[in-house]
Amino acid sequence: MAKLYRLKDGDEIDALIYEEYGFTAGAFEEVLRANQKILGLFPRGRYELGQGVDYLLLPDLKQATQKKKIVRLFT
């Protein structure tokens, strides 16, 4: 179930994502998609929270995002 995270001063999106999901690859993009109305992408490629943003939606992630198949080339 998706949940709302109440933001505090100094919160960083990537740190919040890692704390919640235990990884950032794939999770970062999903959180950005879920919050695209409140996040702004600035020219330097840095994501910043908009003014007056109190909450960040942390969506449920698909199983495929959480686990990646490992392929062994050599045994």
Protein backbone atom coordinates (compact mmCIF):
# COMPACT_ATOMS: atom_id res chain seq x y z
CA MET A 1 0.00 0.00 0.00
CA ALA A 2 1.32 3.42 -0.91
CA LYS A 3 1.97 5.76 1.97
CA LEU A 4 2.50 9.45 2.58
CA TYR A 5 5.75 10.54 4.15
CA ARG A 6 5.70 13.83 6.05
CA LEU A 7 8.76 15.80 4.98
CA LYS A 8 11.15 17.39 7.45
CA ASP A 9 13.79 20.06 6.92
CA GLY A 10 16.88 18.57 5.35
CA ASP A 11 15.15 15.51 3.84
CA GLU A 12 16.75 14.28 0.63
CA ILE A 13 14.67 12.29 -1.83
CA ASP A 14 17.26 9.63 -2.59
CA ALA A 15 17.98 9.03 1.12
CA LEU A 16 14.26 8.69 1.85
CA ILE A 17 13.85 6.21 -0.98
CA TYR A 18 16.79 4.11 0.19
CA GLU A 19 15.49 4.12 3.77
CA GLU A 20 12.01 3.05 2.65
CA TYR A 21 12.83 0.48 -0.04
CA GLY A 22 16.43 -0.52 0.66
CA PHE A 23 17.56 0.39 -2.86
CA THR A 24 17.30 3.35 -5.22
CA ALA A 25 17.63 1.86 -8.72
CA GLY A 26 14.16 1.89 -10.23
CA ALA A 27 12.58 3.08 -6.98
CA PHE A 28 13.80 6.65 -7.51
CA GLU A 29 12.08 6.86 -10.91
CA GLU A 30 8.82 5.38 -9.55
CA VAL A 31 8.70 7.91 -6.70
CA LEU A 32 9.31 10.75 -9.16
CA ARG A 33 6.46 9.51 -11.38
CA ALA A 34 4.12 9.28 -8.40
CA ASN A 35 5.00 12.83 -7.32
CA GLN A 36 5.50 14.60 -10.64
CA LYS A 37 3.02 17.36 -9.77
CA ILE A 38 4.99 18.49 -6.73
CA LEU A 39 8.55 17.96 -7.94
CA GLY A 40 10.34 20.27 -10.33
CA LEU A 41 13.18 19.28 -12.62
CA PHE A 42 15.65 22.10 -12.86
CA PRO A 43 18.15 22.66 -15.71
CA ARG A 44 21.08 21.17 -13.83
CA GLY A 45 19.20 17.88 -13.50
CA ARG A 46 18.66 18.30 -9.78
CA TYR A 47 15.33 17.37 -8.26
CA GLU A 48 14.06 19.78 -5.64
CA LEU A 49 10.89 19.89 -3.63
CA GLY A 50 8.50 22.69 -4.51
CA GLN A 51 7.51 25.36 -2.01
CA GLY A 52 4.78 24.32 0.37
CA VAL A 53 5.33 20.59 -0.16
CA ASP A 54 4.65 18.81 3.11
CA TYR A 55 4.26 15.20 1.98
CA LEU A 56 5.88 12.80 -0.47
CA LEU A 57 3.93 9.84 -1.83
CA LEU A 58 5.90 6.60 -1.55
CA PRO A 59 4.17 4.16 -3.93
CA ASP A 60 4.12 0.38 -3.80
CA LEU A 61 6.72 -0.95 -6.16
CA LYS A 62 6.17 -3.74 -8.62
CA GLN A 63 7.95 -6.98 -7.81
CA ALA A 64 9.96 -6.67 -11.03
CA THR A 65 11.45 -3.39 -9.81
CA GLN A 66 12.52 -4.91 -6.51
CA LYS A 67 14.22 -8.06 -7.80
CA LYS A 68 16.46 -8.38 -10.79
CA LYS A 69 17.26 -11.66 -12.43
CA ILE A 70 20.93 -12.59 -12.17
CA VAL A 71 22.44 -14.22 -15.23
CA ARG A 72 25.70 -16.11 -14.75
CA LEU A 73 27.92 -16.26 -17.78
CA PHE A 74 30.47 -18.58 -16.22
CA THR A 75 30.07 -21.20 -13.52
